[in-house]
Protein backbone atom coordinates (compact mmCIF):
# COMPACT_ATOMS: atom_id res chain seq x y z
CA UNK A 1 40.72 15.87 -16.89
CA UNK A 2 39.34 18.73 -16.97
CA UNK A 3 39.20 21.17 -14.01
CA UNK A 4 35.72 20.85 -12.66
CA UNK A 5 36.18 16.84 -12.31
CA UNK A 6 37.40 15.91 -9.28
CA UNK A 7 40.81 14.56 -8.79
CA UNK A 8 40.76 10.86 -9.28
CA UNK A 9 44.44 10.95 -7.24
CA UNK A 10 42.92 12.53 -4.08
CA UNK A 11 39.90 10.61 -4.15
CA UNK A 12 41.81 6.93 -5.00
CA UNK A 13 43.85 8.54 -1.48
CA UNK A 14 40.74 8.83 0.21
CA UNK A 15 39.09 5.63 -1.12
CA UNK A 16 35.49 6.68 -0.91
CA UNK A 17 35.69 8.15 3.32
CA UNK A 18 32.89 6.70 5.77
CA UNK A 19 32.43 3.73 3.19
CA UNK A 20 34.91 0.93 4.58
CA UNK A 21 35.85 2.66 8.16
CA UNK A 22 33.33 2.69 11.37
CA UNK A 23 31.22 1.64 13.52
CA UNK A 24 26.81 1.14 13.73
CA UNK A 25 26.13 3.67 16.95
CA UNK A 26 25.09 2.09 19.99
CA UNK A 27 21.44 2.56 20.19
CA UNK A 28 19.30 1.66 23.09
CA UNK A 29 15.99 0.17 21.51
CA UNK A 30 16.48 -1.44 18.36
CA UNK A 31 15.04 0.62 15.44
CA UNK A 32 14.69 -0.51 11.75
CA UNK A 33 16.53 2.78 10.56
CA UNK A 34 19.80 2.95 9.08
CA UNK A 35 22.25 4.91 11.18
CA UNK A 36 24.26 7.41 9.58
CA UNK A 37 27.41 4.92 9.11
CA UNK A 38 26.71 1.41 8.77
CA UNK A 39 29.50 -1.24 8.28
CA UNK A 40 27.57 -3.81 9.27
CA UNK A 41 26.46 -6.44 6.70
CA UNK A 42 28.77 -4.55 4.56
CA UNK A 43 26.06 -2.27 3.71
CA UNK A 44 28.06 0.66 3.08
CA UNK A 45 29.82 -0.53 0.11
CA UNK A 46 27.36 1.33 -2.17
CA UNK A 47 24.54 3.80 -1.52
CA UNK A 48 21.44 2.57 -1.96
CA UNK A 49 18.26 4.85 -0.95
CA UNK A 50 15.81 3.39 2.31
CA UNK A 51 15.84 -0.24 3.49
CA UNK A 52 16.60 -1.02 6.87
CA UNK A 53 19.46 -1.93 9.35
CA UNK A 54 21.43 -5.37 8.94
CA UNK A 55 21.18 -6.29 12.71
CA UNK A 56 18.18 -5.24 12.92
CA UNK A 57 17.04 -7.64 10.24
CA UNK A 58 19.50 -10.64 11.56
CA UNK A 59 18.13 -10.28 15.29
CA UNK A 60 14.22 -10.12 13.69
CA UNK A 61 15.10 -13.19 11.42
CA UNK A 62 16.65 -14.43 14.57
CA UNK A 63 13.63 -14.58 16.48
CA UNK A 64 11.54 -15.88 13.47
CA UNK A 65 13.33 -18.88 13.02
CA UNK A 66 12.68 -19.74 16.75
CA UNK A 67 8.92 -19.69 16.47
CA UNK A 68 8.84 -21.00 12.68
CA UNK A 69 11.96 -23.28 12.92
CA UNK A 70 15.03 -22.97 11.08
CA UNK A 71 14.11 -24.86 8.40
CA UNK A 72 12.30 -22.09 6.78
CA UNK A 73 12.21 -20.20 3.52
CA UNK A 74 12.46 -16.04 3.98
CA UNK A 75 11.34 -13.58 0.79
CA UNK A 76 11.93 -9.95 0.08
CA UNK A 77 9.41 -9.24 -2.67
CA UNK A 78 11.23 -5.54 -2.76
CA UNK A 79 14.74 -6.81 -1.63
CA UNK A 80 16.83 -3.60 -2.84
CA UNK A 81 20.58 -4.02 -1.83
CA UNK A 82 19.76 -7.09 -0.43
CA UNK A 83 19.65 -6.68 3.63
CA UNK A 84 17.15 -9.23 4.46
CA UNK A 85 19.31 -11.87 2.19
CA UNK A 86 22.31 -11.18 3.64
CA UNK A 87 21.25 -11.33 7.03
CA UNK A 88 19.15 -14.66 6.24
CA UNK A 89 22.24 -16.04 4.98
CA UNK A 90 24.42 -14.90 7.84
CA UNK A 91 21.97 -17.39 9.60
CA UNK A 92 22.07 -20.20 7.50
CA UNK A 93 18.61 -19.46 6.23
CA UNK A 94 17.52 -19.71 2.52
CA UNK A 95 16.00 -17.00 1.04
CA UNK A 96 14.97 -15.53 -1.65
CA UNK A 97 15.11 -11.81 -3.28
CA UNK A 98 12.81 -9.59 -5.97
CA UNK A 99 13.71 -6.80 -7.38
CA UNK A 100 13.23 -4.69 -10.64
CA UNK A 101 15.89 -2.64 -10.57
CA UNK A 102 19.22 -4.42 -11.81
CA UNK A 103 21.18 -1.88 -10.15
CA UNK A 104 19.78 -3.51 -6.35
CA UNK A 105 20.17 -7.07 -7.84
CA UNK A 106 24.40 -6.17 -8.54
CA UNK A 107 24.72 -4.92 -5.19
CA UNK A 108 22.67 -7.87 -3.35
CA UNK A 109 24.59 -9.92 -5.21
CA UNK A 110 28.07 -8.65 -4.38
CA UNK A 111 27.00 -8.10 -0.23
CA UNK A 112 25.93 -11.94 -0.42
CA UNK A 113 29.76 -13.24 -1.89
CA UNK A 114 31.25 -16.45 0.40
CA UNK A 115 34.12 -16.82 -2.53
CA UNK A 116 35.64 -14.86 -4.64
CA UNK A 117 38.01 -15.39 -7.87
CA UNK A 118 41.74 -15.89 -7.31
CA UNK A 119 42.67 -12.89 -9.49
CA UNK A 120 41.64 -9.26 -10.19
CA UNK A 121 40.26 -8.01 -13.23
CA UNK A 122 43.26 -6.20 -15.43
CA UNK A 123 42.82 -2.97 -17.09
CA UNK A 124 41.67 -4.65 -20.64
CA UNK A 125 43.40 -3.29 -23.87
CA UNK A 126 42.22 -0.40 -25.65
CA UNK A 127 39.18 -0.74 -28.00
CA UNK A 128 38.33 -4.18 -26.06
CA UNK A 129 34.70 -3.07 -25.72
CA UNK A 130 33.73 -1.56 -29.15
CA UNK A 131 31.21 -3.78 -30.22
CA UNK A 132 29.42 -2.71 -26.93
CA UNK A 133 29.55 1.16 -27.50
CA UNK A 134 27.51 3.32 -29.39
CA UNK A 135 27.33 6.92 -30.73
CA UNK A 136 24.17 6.66 -28.75
CA UNK A 137 25.91 5.52 -25.38
CA UNK A 138 23.85 6.01 -21.92
CA UNK A 139 27.06 7.08 -20.60
CA UNK A 140 27.39 9.75 -23.04
CA UNK A 141 24.76 11.62 -20.56
CA UNK A 142 27.73 12.33 -18.29
CA UNK A 143 31.03 11.30 -19.97
CA UNK A 144 33.25 12.19 -23.22
CA UNK A 145 33.11 9.83 -26.03
CA UNK A 146 36.87 8.32 -24.90
CA UNK A 147 35.54 8.13 -20.79
CA UNK A 148 32.90 6.00 -21.85
CA UNK A 149 34.44 4.37 -24.39
CA UNK A 150 36.84 3.16 -21.93
CA UNK A 151 33.95 2.20 -19.13
CA UNK A 152 32.78 -0.28 -22.03
CA UNK A 153 36.23 -1.27 -22.47
CA UNK A 154 36.01 -2.16 -18.46
CA UNK A 155 32.17 -3.78 -18.93
CA UNK A 156 33.27 -6.31 -21.61
CA UNK A 157 35.76 -7.22 -19.64
CA UNK A 158 33.61 -8.33 -16.45
CA UNK A 159 31.19 -9.58 -18.35
CA UNK A 160 30.35 -13.40 -17.53
CA UNK A 161 29.66 -15.97 -19.62
CA UNK A 162 25.36 -15.45 -18.79
CA UNK A 163 26.03 -12.15 -20.18
CA UNK A 164 25.95 -10.17 -16.94
CA UNK A 165 29.11 -8.03 -15.00
CA UNK A 166 30.34 -9.88 -12.21
CA UNK A 167 29.42 -7.87 -8.62
CA UNK A 168 32.93 -6.84 -7.25
CA UNK A 169 33.99 -5.53 -10.70
CA UNK A 170 30.20 -4.02 -11.46
CA UNK A 171 30.41 -2.45 -7.60
CA UNK A 172 33.84 -1.27 -8.29
CA UNK A 173 32.32 0.73 -11.53
CA UNK A 174 29.10 2.23 -9.65
CA UNK A 175 31.42 3.54 -7.11
CA UNK A 176 34.17 5.32 -9.44
CA UNK A 177 31.30 6.61 -11.40
CA UNK A 178 29.58 8.17 -8.21
CA UNK A 179 33.07 9.66 -7.00
CA UNK A 180 33.55 11.74 -10.73
CA UNK A 181 30.00 12.64 -11.13
CA UNK A 182 29.62 14.49 -8.23
CA UNK A 183 28.53 17.79 -10.35
CA UNK A 184 25.66 16.51 -11.37
CA UNK A 185 23.95 15.80 -8.45
CA UNK A 186 21.82 18.29 -6.89
CA UNK A 187 20.31 19.14 -3.21
CA UNK A 188 17.62 16.53 -3.76
CA UNK A 189 19.53 13.05 -3.44
CA UNK A 190 17.39 11.05 -5.64
CA UNK A 191 17.61 13.13 -8.91
CA UNK A 192 20.80 13.30 -11.16
CA UNK A 193 21.07 15.77 -13.82
CA UNK A 194 22.29 15.30 -17.07
CA UNK A 195 25.09 17.05 -18.82
CA UNK A 196 23.80 19.98 -21.18
CA UNK A 197 26.70 20.66 -23.65
CA UNK A 198 29.52 18.27 -24.74
CA UNK A 199 31.71 20.62 -23.00
CA UNK A 200 30.04 19.52 -19.77
CA UNK A 201 30.96 16.05 -19.77
CA UNK A 202 33.56 14.77 -17.62
CA UNK A 203 37.14 13.90 -19.65
CA UNK A 204 39.00 11.02 -17.36
CA UNK A 205 42.49 9.66 -18.87
CA UNK A 206 42.71 5.97 -18.90
CA UNK A 207 45.60 5.25 -16.80
CA UNK A 208 43.87 7.39 -13.96
CA UNK A 209 39.91 5.54 -14.56
CA UNK A 210 42.09 2.10 -14.56
CA UNK A 211 44.22 2.83 -11.28
CA UNK A 212 40.79 3.60 -9.66
CA UNK A 213 38.59 0.90 -10.62
CA UNK A 214 41.34 -1.91 -9.78
CA UNK A 215 42.15 0.35 -5.94
CA UNK A 216 37.90 -0.42 -5.96
CA UNK A 217 38.22 -3.71 -6.66
CA UNK A 218 41.28 -4.66 -4.53
CA UNK A 219 39.19 -2.74 -1.50
CA UNK A 220 36.00 -4.29 -2.17
CA UNK A 221 37.55 -7.73 -2.46
CA UNK A 222 39.50 -7.04 1.24
CA UNK A 223 36.47 -5.89 2.52
CA UNK A 224 34.83 -9.60 1.19
CA UNK A 225 37.41 -11.60 2.55
CA UNK A 226 36.79 -10.24 6.45
CA UNK A 227 33.05 -11.49 6.35
CA UNK A 228 32.39 -15.12 7.70
CA UNK A 229 29.72 -16.17 6.15
CA UNK A 230 27.78 -19.56 5.51
CA UNK A 231 27.06 -21.52 2.35
CA UNK A 232 23.64 -21.63 2.07
CA UNK A 233 20.56 -21.12 -0.43
CA UNK A 234 20.28 -17.27 -1.47
CA UNK A 235 18.58 -16.34 -4.62
CA UNK A 236 18.44 -12.52 -6.14
CA UNK A 237 16.00 -12.64 -9.03
CA UNK A 238 15.26 -9.57 -11.48
CA UNK A 239 11.31 -9.65 -11.34
CA UNK A 240 8.55 -8.13 -10.32
CA UNK A 241 7.19 -7.70 -7.10
CA UNK A 242 3.20 -8.03 -8.82
CA UNK A 243 4.46 -11.28 -10.69
CA UNK A 244 7.09 -13.02 -8.15
CA UNK A 245 8.52 -16.00 -10.36
CA UNK A 246 7.78 -18.26 -6.99
CA UNK A 247 5.04 -21.46 -6.77
CA UNK A 248 2.61 -20.53 -4.48
CA UNK A 249 2.65 -21.68 -0.38
CA UNK A 250 6.46 -21.76 -0.51
CA UNK A 251 7.63 -18.94 1.80
CA UNK A 252 7.90 -18.80 5.58
CA UNK A 253 8.66 -15.35 6.41
CA UNK A 254 8.08 -12.25 4.42
CA UNK A 255 10.81 -9.20 5.36
CA UNK A 256 10.57 -6.16 3.03
CA UNK A 257 9.96 -2.61 2.53
CA UNK A 258 8.29 -1.51 -0.14
CA UNK A 259 8.80 1.66 -1.93
CA UNK A 260 7.04 4.48 0.15
CA UNK A 261 4.41 6.87 -1.53
CA UNK A 262 7.01 9.93 -1.30
CA UNK A 263 7.76 10.19 -5.25
CA UNK A 264 11.66 8.87 -5.26
CA UNK A 265 11.99 7.71 -8.92
CA UNK A 266 14.49 5.50 -8.14
CA UNK A 267 15.65 5.10 -11.94
CA UNK A 268 16.38 8.34 -12.27
CA UNK A 269 18.26 8.26 -9.00
CA UNK A 270 20.33 5.17 -10.36
CA UNK A 271 20.34 6.38 -13.53
CA UNK A 272 24.59 6.34 -13.98
CA UNK A 273 24.70 2.83 -12.79
CA UNK A 274 21.78 1.99 -14.84
CA UNK A 275 23.44 3.24 -17.88
CA UNK A 276 26.77 0.77 -17.09
CA UNK A 277 24.05 -1.63 -16.94
CA UNK A 278 22.84 -1.03 -20.82
CA UNK A 279 19.96 0.47 -19.85
CA UNK A 280 19.25 4.24 -21.42
CA UNK A 281 16.12 5.83 -18.95
CA UNK A 282 16.08 8.41 -20.88
CA UNK A 283 15.39 6.41 -24.53
CA UNK A 284 13.45 3.75 -23.30
CA UNK A 285 11.47 4.61 -20.23
CA UNK A 286 10.18 1.00 -19.97
CA UNK A 287 12.35 0.29 -16.78
CA UNK A 288 11.89 3.29 -14.97
CA UNK A 289 7.75 3.59 -15.08
CA UNK A 290 7.39 -0.35 -14.19
CA UNK A 291 9.17 0.30 -11.01
CA UNK A 292 7.00 0.81 -7.67
CA UNK A 293 6.53 4.35 -7.05
CA UNK A 294 7.48 5.93 -10.30
CA UNK A 295 6.85 9.19 -11.32
CA UNK A 296 5.73 8.22 -14.45
CA UNK A 297 2.30 7.51 -14.91
CA UNK A 298 1.72 4.61 -17.46
CA UNK A 299 0.14 4.41 -20.56
CA UNK A 300 -2.80 2.76 -20.92
CA UNK A 301 -3.23 2.22 -17.06
CA UNK A 302 -7.14 2.85 -15.78
CA UNK A 303 -7.64 4.16 -12.59
CA UNK A 304 -11.16 2.44 -11.80
CA UNK A 305 -9.99 0.33 -8.93
CA UNK A 306 -11.53 0.52 -5.59
CA UNK A 307 -9.24 0.38 -2.33
CA UNK A 308 -10.28 -0.52 1.27
CA UNK A 309 -11.29 2.23 3.21
CA UNK A 310 -8.04 4.55 5.00
CA UNK A 311 -6.57 4.17 0.93
CA UNK A 312 -9.83 5.51 -0.47
CA UNK A 313 -10.03 8.05 2.24
CA UNK A 314 -6.52 9.55 1.03
CA UNK A 315 -7.46 9.60 -2.33
CA UNK A 316 -10.32 12.00 -2.16
CA UNK A 317 -8.07 13.50 0.18
CA UNK A 318 -5.61 14.26 -2.36
CA UNK A 319 -7.98 15.02 -5.42
CA UNK A 320 -9.74 17.37 -3.29
CA UNK A 321 -6.90 19.37 -2.77
CA UNK A 322 -6.44 23.33 -3.99
CA UNK A 323 -3.02 22.59 -5.57
CA UNK A 324 -2.38 22.47 -8.68
CA UNK A 325 -3.02 19.18 -10.44
CA UNK A 326 -4.10 17.30 -7.16
CA UNK A 327 -6.59 15.99 -9.08
CA UNK A 328 -5.15 15.33 -12.59
CA UNK A 329 -1.20 13.70 -12.13
CA UNK A 330 -0.82 13.19 -8.93
CA UNK A 331 -3.93 11.57 -7.62
CA UNK A 332 -2.81 8.92 -10.98
CA UNK A 333 0.31 8.60 -9.33
CA UNK A 334 -0.90 8.13 -6.03
CA UNK A 335 -3.88 5.43 -7.63
CA UNK A 336 -0.74 3.88 -9.57
CA UNK A 337 1.35 3.54 -6.13
CA UNK A 338 -1.82 1.83 -4.25
CA UNK A 339 -2.51 -0.30 -7.42
CA UNK A 340 1.28 -1.87 -7.44
CA UNK A 341 1.03 -2.10 -4.14
CA UNK A 342 -2.05 -4.05 -3.61
CA UNK A 343 -0.58 -6.24 -6.31
CA UNK A 344 2.43 -6.77 -4.28
CA UNK A 345 -0.21 -8.08 -1.45
CA UNK A 346 -1.64 -10.09 -3.75
CA UNK A 347 1.72 -11.66 -4.60
CA UNK A 348 2.62 -11.98 -1.50
CA UNK A 349 -0.39 -13.76 -0.35
CA UNK A 350 -0.18 -16.19 -2.89
CA UNK A 351 3.47 -17.59 -2.17
CA UNK A 352 3.20 -17.69 1.71
CA UNK A 353 2.24 -20.68 3.52
CA UNK A 354 -0.62 -21.03 6.53
CA UNK A 355 0.53 -19.47 9.24
CA UNK A 356 3.05 -17.27 7.42
CA UNK A 357 5.04 -14.29 8.86
CA UNK A 358 5.22 -10.70 7.37
CA UNK A 359 7.09 -7.92 8.31
CA UNK A 360 6.51 -5.07 6.71
CA UNK A 361 8.78 -1.99 7.49
CA UNK A 362 7.12 1.45 6.40
CA UNK A 363 7.26 5.39 7.03
CA UNK A 364 4.17 7.65 6.74
CA UNK A 365 5.00 10.75 4.99
CA UNK A 366 2.53 13.68 3.28
CA UNK A 367 1.04 14.73 0.04
CA UNK A 368 1.48 18.54 0.48
CA UNK A 369 -0.14 18.60 4.21
CA UNK A 370 -2.53 15.66 3.65
CA UNK A 371 -1.14 13.18 5.39
CA UNK A 372 -0.42 9.39 4.01
CA UNK A 373 -0.95 7.06 6.61
CA UNK A 374 0.82 3.93 5.42
CA UNK A 375 0.83 1.68 8.06
CA UNK A 376 -2.62 2.23 8.18
CA UNK A 377 -2.72 1.43 4.43
CA UNK A 378 -1.06 -1.70 4.80
CA UNK A 379 -2.66 -2.93 7.31
CA UNK A 380 -6.13 -2.01 6.42
CA UNK A 381 -4.98 -4.26 2.96
CA UNK A 382 -3.49 -7.02 4.19
CA UNK A 383 -6.71 -7.56 6.62
CA UNK A 384 -8.55 -7.60 3.75
CA UNK A 385 -6.49 -10.31 2.38
CA UNK A 386 -6.86 -12.54 5.47
CA UNK A 387 -4.12 -11.13 7.03
CA UNK A 388 -4.07 -10.35 11.21
CA UNK A 389 -2.19 -7.47 12.55
CA UNK A 390 0.07 -8.91 15.68
CA UNK A 391 2.62 -6.09 16.44
CA UNK A 392 3.18 -2.54 15.19
CA UNK A 393 6.24 -0.94 16.69
CA UNK A 394 6.67 3.56 15.92
CA UNK A 395 9.50 5.51 15.63
CA UNK A 396 9.61 8.88 15.04
CA UNK A 397 11.14 10.22 11.89
CA UNK A 398 12.64 13.69 12.28
CA UNK A 399 14.94 13.70 9.08
CA UNK A 400 12.82 13.00 5.68
CA UNK A 401 13.28 13.86 2.37
CA UNK A 402 10.82 16.10 2.97
CA UNK A 403 12.97 18.47 4.79
CA UNK A 404 15.13 18.31 1.53
CA UNK A 405 12.38 19.78 -0.34
CA UNK A 406 12.09 23.57 -0.90
CA UNK A 407 9.09 23.83 -1.59
CA UNK A 408 7.34 21.26 0.20
CA UNK A 409 8.15 23.28 3.37
CA UNK A 410 5.46 25.86 3.17
CA UNK A 411 3.06 22.84 4.06
CA UNK A 412 2.77 22.66 7.84
CA UNK A 413 2.94 18.85 9.07
CA UNK A 414 3.50 16.89 12.05
CA UNK A 415 6.53 14.44 12.01
CA UNK A 416 6.25 11.14 10.29
CA UNK A 417 6.20 7.33 11.84
CA UNK A 418 8.16 4.35 10.69
CA UNK A 419 6.43 1.54 11.52
CA UNK A 420 7.32 -2.11 11.75
CA UNK A 421 4.14 -4.21 10.94
CA UNK A 422 3.95 -7.82 11.55
CA UNK A 423 1.68 -9.89 10.41
CA UNK A 424 0.24 -13.68 10.58
CA UNK A 425 -1.45 -15.28 7.73
CA UNK A 426 -5.01 -16.41 9.15
C-alpha cells in the first residue's frame, strides 16, 4: 500500500471505532434526532446521512399501534437506511420501505436480517470477477487497477442468484471502502472527491484487503446474532417516491423523513458505494438526477407548476435574492425539489387508507439568508390534499450542514427547527 493510504492492519485493530460500542445518551424529552453515537437498531453499522432515531421511531409506531391496531401496514417512501422498517419489524408490524438509492436499500436489508447463512463468504480466487471488471470501472476513480479488480472478485463472490449482493458482504465492502478512502473526503461530509491522477489512486495488497473484508463480515454477523427480532413481513423496494409500486388505499401509517431542501447530493455522498454496485455517477447521471434534492437540474424539466402559498412565497424570495444565480439555477433547483416533494405527497395520499396517519420529520433551513420553512410547506401542501394537522412538535437544531459550509456562514441566520408533523387523512 502506498504511504498515503491508512494502514489496514491498524484499521483492523480499531475495527472502525465507535461502530460497535457505546450506547445512546440519556435524553429527557425524546427527540427524533439521532444521537452522536447510536447503536440501537444497528444504526451504527454504516453511516447514512440524516434520518431519525430508532428508539424514537419504535415508540412512535408503538403508540400508533394502540390507536390504529397492531394489524397495520407501515410505509416509509424515503426509507433511507431502514430505521422505520426496522422499528416496525421489532414490534412485529408489517412494513414497506421504498428508496431510490440502492445503497440505502442494501443497508436497510442488512439491518433487518434475522437469519444468516452458516458460513462466511471466503476470499475468492484472483480473477474471479474478471467478467465484471472493465477498464472504465467506476472504482478506478479511487483505486488502482489491481485493487479495483480485487474488489470485483469479491463482489462477484457475494452475488446472489438474483444478481444482488448479499447484504452482510456488501456492507462489509462499504465499510472497508469508507475506511481506506478518507483522503478523498473534505470538510463537507456529503461531497466525495475523485483521484486527480493514476498516482493518486489507492493500492492495497490483495491479501490485506481479503483479511479486512473477512474481519468486517465476522463483526457484522456477530452483531446481527445479538439482535432479537420477530419474523414479520418487511419489504424493501428500490423505487421512486413519486411512483410507489403499491396498491391504492393499502397503508395505515406513514413514518418518514423526506430529503430536506439543503442541496445535499446523496449520489455524490455515496459515490463510492454506488461504484461497488456498478453505478458510475460520473459517466451516467440518470440515478443522480433522479434523487430528490439533487443538485442537478433535469433535462426537459418545466417549471410552471403552482404550489401552495407558503411554497410560492419561498420561490418569490429566492428569485428576488440579489446573490448570483438566485433567479436562475437556484430558483430552478428549489422548484424541482418542491415538485418532487409534492409528487411524493400525492403518492402518499393515493396509497393511504381513510383515517391513516402520516408522521413527517422535517427540518427547516436557509437559502443564503432566506428562511426555508419546510415544515410549514409540508403542512400547507398536505392540507391541499385533504390531510388535517393533528400535532406538531419542534426541536431546535444547533448544528447543521450550514455550520460546515464556509460561504454560507456569511449570511446571518437564526436557529432552525426540526419538526415532527402528525397528519390524519380527513
